[in-house]
N, C-alpha and C. Protein backbone atom coordinates (compact mmCIF):
# COMPACT_ATOMS: atom_id res chain seq x y z
N UNK A 1 -0.18 -29.91 15.65
CA UNK A 1 -0.59 -28.87 14.70
C UNK A 1 -1.70 -29.44 13.82
N UNK A 2 -2.82 -28.73 13.73
CA UNK A 2 -3.93 -29.19 12.92
C UNK A 2 -3.62 -29.03 11.44
N UNK A 3 -4.43 -29.66 10.61
CA UNK A 3 -4.23 -29.56 9.16
C UNK A 3 -4.36 -28.12 8.68
N UNK A 4 -5.33 -27.36 9.23
CA UNK A 4 -5.50 -25.95 8.86
C UNK A 4 -4.29 -25.13 9.27
N UNK A 5 -3.73 -25.39 10.46
CA UNK A 5 -2.54 -24.66 10.90
C UNK A 5 -1.37 -24.93 9.98
N UNK A 6 -1.24 -26.18 9.51
CA UNK A 6 -0.16 -26.52 8.58
C UNK A 6 -0.31 -25.74 7.28
N UNK A 7 -1.53 -25.61 6.80
CA UNK A 7 -1.78 -24.88 5.56
C UNK A 7 -1.50 -23.39 5.73
N UNK A 8 -1.73 -22.87 6.95
CA UNK A 8 -1.57 -21.44 7.19
C UNK A 8 -0.14 -21.04 7.57
N UNK A 9 0.76 -22.02 7.73
CA UNK A 9 2.14 -21.71 8.09
C UNK A 9 2.76 -20.88 6.98
N UNK A 10 3.31 -19.74 7.36
CA UNK A 10 3.89 -18.81 6.39
C UNK A 10 5.32 -19.19 6.08
N UNK A 11 5.69 -19.05 4.83
CA UNK A 11 7.07 -19.19 4.41
C UNK A 11 7.51 -17.81 3.96
N UNK A 12 8.44 -17.23 4.70
CA UNK A 12 8.91 -15.89 4.39
C UNK A 12 10.22 -16.00 3.65
N UNK A 13 10.25 -15.45 2.46
CA UNK A 13 11.45 -15.49 1.62
C UNK A 13 12.18 -14.16 1.72
N UNK A 14 13.45 -14.17 1.36
CA UNK A 14 14.24 -12.94 1.41
C UNK A 14 13.63 -11.88 0.48
N UNK A 15 13.02 -12.31 -0.63
CA UNK A 15 12.38 -11.35 -1.55
C UNK A 15 11.22 -10.64 -0.86
N UNK A 16 10.49 -11.39 0.00
CA UNK A 16 9.38 -10.79 0.74
C UNK A 16 9.88 -9.71 1.69
N UNK A 17 10.98 -10.02 2.37
CA UNK A 17 11.56 -9.05 3.31
C UNK A 17 12.05 -7.82 2.56
N UNK A 18 12.72 -8.05 1.42
CA UNK A 18 13.19 -6.92 0.61
C UNK A 18 12.01 -6.07 0.14
N UNK A 19 10.91 -6.71 -0.26
CA UNK A 19 9.72 -5.97 -0.71
C UNK A 19 9.13 -5.15 0.44
N UNK A 20 9.09 -5.73 1.65
CA UNK A 20 8.60 -4.99 2.81
C UNK A 20 9.46 -3.77 3.09
N UNK A 21 10.78 -3.94 2.97
CA UNK A 21 11.69 -2.82 3.21
C UNK A 21 11.46 -1.72 2.18
N UNK A 22 11.31 -2.10 0.90
CA UNK A 22 11.06 -1.11 -0.15
C UNK A 22 9.75 -0.37 0.09
N UNK A 23 8.71 -1.11 0.47
CA UNK A 23 7.41 -0.49 0.73
C UNK A 23 7.48 0.44 1.95
N UNK A 24 8.22 0.02 2.97
CA UNK A 24 8.39 0.87 4.15
C UNK A 24 9.09 2.16 3.78
N UNK A 25 10.16 2.06 2.99
CA UNK A 25 10.90 3.26 2.59
C UNK A 25 10.04 4.20 1.76
N UNK A 26 9.11 3.65 0.98
CA UNK A 26 8.24 4.47 0.13
C UNK A 26 7.05 5.04 0.92
N UNK A 27 6.81 4.51 2.11
CA UNK A 27 5.67 4.99 2.91
C UNK A 27 6.08 6.18 3.76
N UNK A 28 5.11 6.71 4.51
CA UNK A 28 5.43 7.79 5.44
C UNK A 28 5.33 7.30 6.89
N UNK A 29 5.52 6.00 7.10
CA UNK A 29 5.52 5.43 8.44
C UNK A 29 6.87 5.68 9.10
N UNK A 30 6.87 5.81 10.41
CA UNK A 30 8.11 5.92 11.17
C UNK A 30 8.62 4.54 11.57
N UNK A 31 7.71 3.64 11.91
CA UNK A 31 8.09 2.31 12.37
C UNK A 31 7.13 1.25 11.86
N UNK A 32 7.65 0.04 11.74
CA UNK A 32 6.82 -1.11 11.43
C UNK A 32 7.40 -2.30 12.17
N UNK A 33 6.56 -3.05 12.86
CA UNK A 33 6.97 -4.23 13.60
C UNK A 33 6.04 -5.35 13.17
N UNK A 34 6.62 -6.45 12.66
CA UNK A 34 5.83 -7.54 12.11
C UNK A 34 6.39 -8.86 12.60
N UNK A 35 5.53 -9.77 13.05
CA UNK A 35 5.93 -11.11 13.47
C UNK A 35 5.18 -12.12 12.64
N UNK A 36 5.93 -13.05 12.02
CA UNK A 36 5.33 -14.12 11.23
C UNK A 36 6.08 -15.40 11.54
N UNK A 37 5.39 -16.39 12.10
CA UNK A 37 5.99 -17.70 12.40
C UNK A 37 7.37 -17.62 13.03
N UNK A 38 7.52 -16.82 14.05
CA UNK A 38 8.79 -16.74 14.76
C UNK A 38 9.79 -15.77 14.16
N UNK A 39 9.54 -15.29 12.96
CA UNK A 39 10.40 -14.27 12.35
C UNK A 39 9.85 -12.92 12.77
N UNK A 40 10.72 -12.07 13.27
CA UNK A 40 10.31 -10.75 13.71
C UNK A 40 11.02 -9.72 12.86
N UNK A 41 10.26 -8.78 12.31
CA UNK A 41 10.81 -7.73 11.46
C UNK A 41 10.49 -6.39 12.10
N UNK A 42 11.52 -5.58 12.34
CA UNK A 42 11.33 -4.26 12.92
C UNK A 42 12.02 -3.27 12.00
N UNK A 43 11.25 -2.33 11.43
CA UNK A 43 11.78 -1.30 10.56
C UNK A 43 11.51 0.05 11.20
N UNK A 44 12.49 0.94 11.13
CA UNK A 44 12.32 2.25 11.74
C UNK A 44 13.14 3.30 11.01
N UNK A 45 12.61 4.51 10.96
CA UNK A 45 13.36 5.62 10.38
C UNK A 45 14.23 6.29 11.45
N UNK A 46 14.06 5.89 12.71
CA UNK A 46 14.83 6.44 13.82
C UNK A 46 15.92 5.46 14.23
N UNK A 47 17.20 5.80 14.04
CA UNK A 47 18.29 4.87 14.38
C UNK A 47 18.29 4.47 15.86
N UNK A 48 17.73 5.29 16.74
CA UNK A 48 17.69 4.99 18.17
C UNK A 48 16.51 4.08 18.55
N UNK A 49 15.55 3.91 17.66
CA UNK A 49 14.33 3.17 17.98
C UNK A 49 14.64 1.73 18.37
N UNK A 50 15.55 1.08 17.70
CA UNK A 50 15.87 -0.31 17.99
C UNK A 50 16.45 -0.44 19.39
N UNK A 51 17.23 0.53 19.82
CA UNK A 51 17.81 0.50 21.15
C UNK A 51 16.75 0.70 22.22
N UNK A 52 15.73 1.51 21.92
CA UNK A 52 14.66 1.80 22.88
C UNK A 52 13.69 0.63 23.02
N UNK A 53 13.46 -0.10 21.95
CA UNK A 53 12.48 -1.19 21.95
C UNK A 53 13.16 -2.48 21.55
N UNK A 54 14.24 -2.86 22.22
CA UNK A 54 14.99 -4.06 21.90
C UNK A 54 14.10 -5.28 22.04
N UNK A 55 13.88 -6.04 20.97
CA UNK A 55 13.01 -7.20 21.03
C UNK A 55 13.69 -8.37 21.75
N UNK A 56 12.90 -9.36 22.16
CA UNK A 56 13.43 -10.52 22.85
C UNK A 56 13.86 -11.60 21.88
N UNK A 57 13.46 -11.53 20.63
CA UNK A 57 13.79 -12.53 19.62
C UNK A 57 14.70 -11.92 18.58
N UNK A 58 15.41 -12.76 17.77
CA UNK A 58 16.23 -12.20 16.68
C UNK A 58 15.37 -11.36 15.75
N UNK A 59 15.93 -10.29 15.25
CA UNK A 59 15.18 -9.32 14.46
C UNK A 59 15.96 -8.93 13.23
N UNK A 60 15.26 -8.69 12.14
CA UNK A 60 15.85 -8.08 10.97
C UNK A 60 15.59 -6.59 11.14
N UNK A 61 16.63 -5.79 11.24
CA UNK A 61 16.46 -4.36 11.47
C UNK A 61 16.92 -3.59 10.25
N UNK A 62 16.26 -2.47 9.99
CA UNK A 62 16.62 -1.62 8.86
C UNK A 62 16.27 -0.19 9.23
N UNK A 63 17.15 0.72 8.91
CA UNK A 63 16.87 2.13 9.16
C UNK A 63 16.61 2.80 7.83
N UNK A 64 15.46 3.46 7.71
CA UNK A 64 15.10 4.14 6.47
C UNK A 64 15.20 5.63 6.68
N UNK A 65 16.08 6.28 5.96
CA UNK A 65 16.26 7.72 6.12
C UNK A 65 15.15 8.51 5.46
N UNK A 66 14.44 7.89 4.51
CA UNK A 66 13.45 8.64 3.75
C UNK A 66 12.05 8.61 4.34
N UNK A 67 11.83 7.86 5.43
CA UNK A 67 10.48 7.77 5.99
C UNK A 67 10.10 9.09 6.64
N UNK A 68 8.78 9.33 6.76
CA UNK A 68 8.30 10.59 7.31
C UNK A 68 7.61 10.37 8.65
N UNK A 69 6.41 10.98 8.88
CA UNK A 69 5.91 11.09 10.24
C UNK A 69 4.62 10.38 10.55
N UNK A 70 4.63 9.13 10.95
CA UNK A 70 3.47 8.45 11.50
C UNK A 70 3.98 7.33 12.38
N UNK A 71 4.30 7.60 13.62
CA UNK A 71 4.88 6.61 14.51
C UNK A 71 3.79 5.73 15.09
N UNK A 72 4.14 4.46 15.35
CA UNK A 72 3.22 3.58 16.05
C UNK A 72 3.48 3.75 17.53
N UNK A 73 2.52 3.39 18.34
CA UNK A 73 2.69 3.46 19.78
C UNK A 73 3.21 2.12 20.27
N UNK A 74 3.82 2.06 21.47
CA UNK A 74 4.29 0.79 21.99
C UNK A 74 3.17 -0.25 22.08
N UNK A 75 1.93 0.18 22.35
CA UNK A 75 0.82 -0.76 22.41
C UNK A 75 0.58 -1.40 21.05
N UNK A 76 0.94 -0.73 19.97
CA UNK A 76 0.74 -1.25 18.62
C UNK A 76 1.81 -2.22 18.20
N UNK A 77 2.88 -2.36 18.99
CA UNK A 77 3.97 -3.25 18.62
C UNK A 77 3.45 -4.68 18.57
N UNK A 78 3.97 -5.47 17.65
CA UNK A 78 3.51 -6.83 17.47
C UNK A 78 2.47 -6.93 16.38
N UNK A 79 1.98 -5.82 15.92
CA UNK A 79 1.01 -5.79 14.83
C UNK A 79 1.53 -4.83 13.77
N UNK A 80 1.08 -5.03 12.56
CA UNK A 80 1.43 -4.09 11.50
C UNK A 80 0.86 -2.73 11.87
N UNK A 81 1.65 -1.70 11.69
CA UNK A 81 1.20 -0.35 12.03
C UNK A 81 -0.07 -0.02 11.26
N UNK A 82 -0.98 0.76 11.84
CA UNK A 82 -2.20 1.13 11.13
C UNK A 82 -1.86 1.97 9.92
N UNK A 83 -2.72 1.94 8.90
CA UNK A 83 -2.43 2.74 7.71
C UNK A 83 -2.29 4.21 8.08
N UNK A 84 -1.36 4.90 7.44
CA UNK A 84 -1.21 6.31 7.71
C UNK A 84 -2.41 7.09 7.18
N UNK A 85 -2.53 8.33 7.59
CA UNK A 85 -3.60 9.18 7.08
C UNK A 85 -3.46 9.30 5.57
N UNK A 86 -4.55 9.50 4.86
CA UNK A 86 -4.46 9.62 3.40
C UNK A 86 -3.46 10.69 2.98
N UNK A 87 -2.79 10.41 1.87
CA UNK A 87 -1.80 11.35 1.34
C UNK A 87 -2.49 12.67 1.00
N UNK A 88 -1.78 13.76 1.19
CA UNK A 88 -2.34 15.08 0.90
C UNK A 88 -2.39 15.30 -0.61
N UNK A 89 -3.44 15.93 -1.03
CA UNK A 89 -3.62 16.20 -2.45
C UNK A 89 -2.75 17.36 -2.90
N UNK A 90 -2.11 17.18 -4.04
CA UNK A 90 -1.28 18.25 -4.59
C UNK A 90 -2.15 19.20 -5.39
N UNK A 91 -3.07 18.66 -6.16
CA UNK A 91 -3.95 19.51 -6.96
C UNK A 91 -5.38 19.32 -6.46
N UNK A 92 -6.24 20.27 -6.76
CA UNK A 92 -7.62 20.16 -6.33
C UNK A 92 -8.39 19.30 -7.32
N UNK A 93 -9.49 18.73 -6.83
CA UNK A 93 -10.32 17.87 -7.66
C UNK A 93 -11.03 18.70 -8.73
N UNK A 94 -11.16 18.14 -9.93
CA UNK A 94 -11.96 18.82 -10.94
C UNK A 94 -13.38 19.01 -10.38
N UNK A 95 -13.98 20.14 -10.66
CA UNK A 95 -15.29 20.47 -10.10
C UNK A 95 -16.32 19.41 -10.43
N UNK A 96 -17.05 18.98 -9.40
CA UNK A 96 -18.12 18.01 -9.55
C UNK A 96 -17.66 16.57 -9.68
N UNK A 97 -16.38 16.32 -9.53
CA UNK A 97 -15.84 14.97 -9.69
C UNK A 97 -15.67 14.26 -8.35
N UNK A 98 -15.68 12.94 -8.41
CA UNK A 98 -15.49 12.10 -7.25
C UNK A 98 -14.11 11.46 -7.35
N UNK A 99 -13.36 11.48 -6.26
CA UNK A 99 -12.02 10.88 -6.24
C UNK A 99 -12.12 9.38 -5.97
N UNK A 100 -11.29 8.61 -6.66
CA UNK A 100 -11.12 7.19 -6.37
C UNK A 100 -9.73 7.09 -5.75
N UNK A 101 -9.67 6.66 -4.49
CA UNK A 101 -8.41 6.63 -3.75
C UNK A 101 -7.85 5.22 -3.61
N UNK A 102 -6.55 5.12 -3.42
CA UNK A 102 -5.88 3.84 -3.23
C UNK A 102 -6.35 3.19 -1.93
N UNK A 103 -6.78 1.93 -1.99
CA UNK A 103 -7.23 1.25 -0.77
C UNK A 103 -6.08 0.82 0.13
N UNK A 104 -4.87 0.81 -0.43
CA UNK A 104 -3.69 0.43 0.33
C UNK A 104 -2.43 0.91 -0.38
N UNK A 105 -1.32 0.79 0.29
CA UNK A 105 -0.01 1.12 -0.25
C UNK A 105 0.37 0.05 -1.27
N UNK A 106 1.04 0.41 -2.34
CA UNK A 106 1.51 -0.58 -3.30
C UNK A 106 1.85 0.04 -4.64
N UNK A 107 2.01 -0.83 -5.63
CA UNK A 107 2.33 -0.40 -6.98
C UNK A 107 1.05 -0.34 -7.81
N UNK A 108 0.82 0.79 -8.46
CA UNK A 108 -0.38 1.04 -9.27
C UNK A 108 -0.17 0.50 -10.68
N UNK A 109 -1.12 -0.28 -11.17
CA UNK A 109 -1.06 -0.78 -12.55
C UNK A 109 -2.36 -0.43 -13.27
N UNK A 110 -2.22 0.18 -14.45
CA UNK A 110 -3.39 0.55 -15.25
C UNK A 110 -3.91 -0.61 -16.07
N UNK A 111 -3.10 -1.67 -16.27
CA UNK A 111 -3.48 -2.80 -17.11
C UNK A 111 -3.30 -4.10 -16.33
N UNK A 112 -4.00 -5.17 -16.77
CA UNK A 112 -3.89 -6.44 -16.05
C UNK A 112 -2.52 -7.11 -16.18
N UNK A 113 -1.79 -6.79 -17.25
CA UNK A 113 -0.44 -7.34 -17.42
C UNK A 113 0.33 -6.42 -18.36
N UNK A 114 1.66 -6.48 -18.34
CA UNK A 114 2.47 -5.62 -19.21
C UNK A 114 2.09 -5.80 -20.68
N UNK A 115 1.94 -4.71 -21.38
CA UNK A 115 1.60 -4.75 -22.81
C UNK A 115 0.12 -4.86 -23.11
N UNK A 116 -0.69 -5.14 -22.10
CA UNK A 116 -2.14 -5.26 -22.31
C UNK A 116 -2.77 -3.87 -22.31
N UNK A 117 -3.98 -3.80 -22.85
CA UNK A 117 -4.72 -2.54 -22.86
C UNK A 117 -5.06 -2.13 -21.43
N UNK A 118 -5.09 -0.83 -21.18
CA UNK A 118 -5.44 -0.31 -19.86
C UNK A 118 -6.88 -0.65 -19.53
N UNK A 119 -7.17 -0.78 -18.24
CA UNK A 119 -8.54 -1.03 -17.81
C UNK A 119 -9.46 0.08 -18.28
N UNK A 120 -9.03 1.34 -18.09
CA UNK A 120 -9.83 2.49 -18.50
C UNK A 120 -8.94 3.56 -19.10
N UNK A 121 -9.55 4.43 -19.90
CA UNK A 121 -8.85 5.56 -20.52
C UNK A 121 -9.57 6.84 -20.14
N UNK A 122 -8.90 7.94 -20.30
CA UNK A 122 -9.48 9.25 -20.06
C UNK A 122 -10.72 9.43 -20.93
N UNK A 123 -11.82 9.90 -20.36
CA UNK A 123 -13.05 10.12 -21.11
C UNK A 123 -13.93 8.90 -21.22
N UNK A 124 -13.48 7.77 -20.73
CA UNK A 124 -14.26 6.53 -20.82
C UNK A 124 -15.37 6.52 -19.79
N UNK A 125 -16.55 6.02 -20.19
CA UNK A 125 -17.66 5.84 -19.26
C UNK A 125 -17.46 4.57 -18.46
N UNK A 126 -17.79 4.63 -17.17
CA UNK A 126 -17.64 3.47 -16.29
C UNK A 126 -18.90 3.30 -15.45
N UNK A 127 -19.12 2.08 -14.98
CA UNK A 127 -20.17 1.81 -14.00
C UNK A 127 -19.49 1.71 -12.64
N UNK A 128 -20.26 1.64 -11.59
CA UNK A 128 -19.70 1.53 -10.24
C UNK A 128 -18.84 0.27 -10.09
N UNK A 129 -19.19 -0.79 -10.84
CA UNK A 129 -18.47 -2.06 -10.72
C UNK A 129 -17.32 -2.22 -11.71
N UNK A 130 -17.05 -1.22 -12.53
CA UNK A 130 -15.97 -1.32 -13.51
C UNK A 130 -14.62 -1.39 -12.80
N UNK A 131 -13.83 -2.41 -13.14
CA UNK A 131 -12.47 -2.51 -12.60
C UNK A 131 -11.63 -1.47 -13.33
N UNK A 132 -10.96 -0.58 -12.57
CA UNK A 132 -10.24 0.52 -13.20
C UNK A 132 -8.72 0.43 -13.06
N UNK A 133 -8.24 -0.38 -12.10
CA UNK A 133 -6.79 -0.57 -11.95
C UNK A 133 -6.52 -1.67 -10.94
N UNK A 134 -5.22 -1.96 -10.77
CA UNK A 134 -4.76 -2.90 -9.75
C UNK A 134 -3.74 -2.21 -8.86
N UNK A 135 -3.71 -2.59 -7.60
CA UNK A 135 -2.66 -2.17 -6.68
C UNK A 135 -2.00 -3.46 -6.20
N UNK A 136 -0.68 -3.55 -6.37
CA UNK A 136 0.05 -4.76 -6.00
C UNK A 136 1.00 -4.49 -4.85
N UNK A 137 0.96 -5.38 -3.86
CA UNK A 137 1.91 -5.33 -2.77
C UNK A 137 2.29 -6.77 -2.43
N UNK A 138 3.57 -7.07 -2.53
CA UNK A 138 4.11 -8.41 -2.25
C UNK A 138 3.35 -9.51 -3.01
N UNK A 139 3.14 -9.32 -4.28
CA UNK A 139 2.46 -10.29 -5.15
C UNK A 139 0.99 -10.48 -4.83
N UNK A 140 0.43 -9.62 -4.00
CA UNK A 140 -1.00 -9.64 -3.72
C UNK A 140 -1.63 -8.48 -4.48
N UNK A 141 -2.53 -8.79 -5.39
CA UNK A 141 -3.15 -7.78 -6.24
C UNK A 141 -4.54 -7.43 -5.72
N UNK A 142 -4.77 -6.14 -5.55
CA UNK A 142 -6.08 -5.64 -5.12
C UNK A 142 -6.73 -4.96 -6.32
N UNK A 143 -7.89 -5.45 -6.69
CA UNK A 143 -8.64 -4.86 -7.79
C UNK A 143 -9.37 -3.62 -7.27
N UNK A 144 -9.23 -2.51 -7.99
CA UNK A 144 -9.90 -1.27 -7.59
C UNK A 144 -11.05 -1.02 -8.57
N UNK A 145 -12.24 -0.82 -8.03
CA UNK A 145 -13.43 -0.56 -8.85
C UNK A 145 -13.77 0.92 -8.78
N UNK A 146 -14.50 1.38 -9.78
CA UNK A 146 -14.83 2.81 -9.88
C UNK A 146 -15.62 3.31 -8.67
N UNK A 147 -16.57 2.51 -8.20
CA UNK A 147 -17.35 2.92 -7.04
C UNK A 147 -18.50 3.85 -7.36
N UNK A 148 -18.48 4.45 -8.53
CA UNK A 148 -19.56 5.34 -8.97
C UNK A 148 -19.64 5.30 -10.49
N UNK A 149 -20.84 5.42 -11.03
CA UNK A 149 -21.00 5.46 -12.48
C UNK A 149 -20.67 6.86 -12.97
N UNK A 150 -20.00 6.94 -14.10
CA UNK A 150 -19.65 8.25 -14.64
C UNK A 150 -18.58 8.16 -15.70
N UNK A 151 -17.82 9.25 -15.85
CA UNK A 151 -16.79 9.36 -16.89
C UNK A 151 -15.45 9.66 -16.23
N UNK A 152 -14.41 8.94 -16.64
CA UNK A 152 -13.05 9.18 -16.13
C UNK A 152 -12.60 10.55 -16.63
N UNK A 153 -12.36 11.49 -15.70
CA UNK A 153 -11.95 12.85 -16.07
C UNK A 153 -10.47 13.11 -15.84
N UNK A 154 -9.86 12.35 -14.93
CA UNK A 154 -8.43 12.54 -14.69
C UNK A 154 -7.82 11.24 -14.17
N UNK A 155 -6.64 10.90 -14.70
CA UNK A 155 -5.86 9.77 -14.20
C UNK A 155 -4.65 10.41 -13.50
N UNK A 156 -4.57 10.25 -12.20
CA UNK A 156 -3.61 11.01 -11.38
C UNK A 156 -2.27 10.31 -11.16
N UNK A 157 -2.15 9.06 -11.57
CA UNK A 157 -0.95 8.28 -11.28
C UNK A 157 -0.44 7.63 -12.56
N UNK A 158 0.88 7.55 -12.70
CA UNK A 158 1.48 6.86 -13.84
C UNK A 158 1.52 5.36 -13.59
N UNK A 159 1.49 4.59 -14.66
CA UNK A 159 1.56 3.13 -14.55
C UNK A 159 2.85 2.71 -13.84
N UNK A 160 2.74 1.71 -13.00
CA UNK A 160 3.86 1.12 -12.24
C UNK A 160 4.45 2.08 -11.21
N UNK A 161 3.69 3.12 -10.82
CA UNK A 161 4.13 4.07 -9.81
C UNK A 161 3.71 3.58 -8.42
N UNK A 162 4.56 3.80 -7.43
CA UNK A 162 4.23 3.47 -6.05
C UNK A 162 3.20 4.47 -5.54
N UNK A 163 2.13 3.96 -4.93
CA UNK A 163 1.10 4.83 -4.38
C UNK A 163 0.97 4.56 -2.88
N UNK A 164 0.45 5.54 -2.17
CA UNK A 164 0.25 5.43 -0.73
C UNK A 164 -1.23 5.23 -0.44
N UNK A 165 -1.52 4.71 0.74
CA UNK A 165 -2.90 4.55 1.17
C UNK A 165 -3.61 5.90 1.10
N UNK A 166 -4.77 5.92 0.47
CA UNK A 166 -5.58 7.13 0.40
C UNK A 166 -5.21 8.09 -0.72
N UNK A 167 -4.14 7.80 -1.45
CA UNK A 167 -3.73 8.69 -2.56
C UNK A 167 -4.76 8.62 -3.67
N UNK A 168 -5.08 9.77 -4.26
CA UNK A 168 -6.06 9.81 -5.34
C UNK A 168 -5.47 9.19 -6.60
N UNK A 169 -6.23 8.25 -7.19
CA UNK A 169 -5.81 7.56 -8.41
C UNK A 169 -6.53 8.13 -9.63
N UNK A 170 -7.83 8.36 -9.49
CA UNK A 170 -8.66 8.84 -10.60
C UNK A 170 -9.67 9.85 -10.07
N UNK A 171 -10.17 10.66 -10.99
CA UNK A 171 -11.34 11.49 -10.71
C UNK A 171 -12.40 11.09 -11.72
N UNK A 172 -13.61 10.83 -11.20
CA UNK A 172 -14.74 10.43 -12.04
C UNK A 172 -15.83 11.48 -11.92
N UNK A 173 -16.33 11.92 -13.07
CA UNK A 173 -17.48 12.83 -13.10
C UNK A 173 -18.73 11.96 -13.08
N UNK A 174 -19.53 12.03 -12.01
CA UNK A 174 -20.71 11.17 -11.92
C UNK A 174 -21.68 11.40 -13.07
N UNK A 175 -22.31 10.29 -13.49
CA UNK A 175 -23.27 10.35 -14.61
C UNK A 175 -24.60 10.88 -14.14
């Protein structure tokens, strides 16, 4: 094993598996199959799925009753399922505004840490490079930037709320 391979060896903790299960239950995926350093994780909302695709290695299996409709194909097995289609909008966009959508599934944070001031507030002017929130998944934080200069017209998500890939987070009225 090379020095780089040693550095890249993953250590999967039970907390990581629990976080993956929680994220799967909050998503609209039907199945997820993940392999990391000999550990194989198969999650499915279909109780019969495990019987149909019995793996050759030991597996952590979990059935999620709350998952919805985006199944992976057998060819996709062995890889993380592709992101589901963007979440459907409940309300329409304010006229002339640009939506800022979640780049991935995770927990939405308006501030860099608990008790700190929010990155942005309603009515605040932003540039395209202004950091407007964080999305966290398994202790990996993704910084979300405005993407367009303008004014924050709507904040669509509450702090610490689980968001889905493609879900609208903010509406910005371009300057």
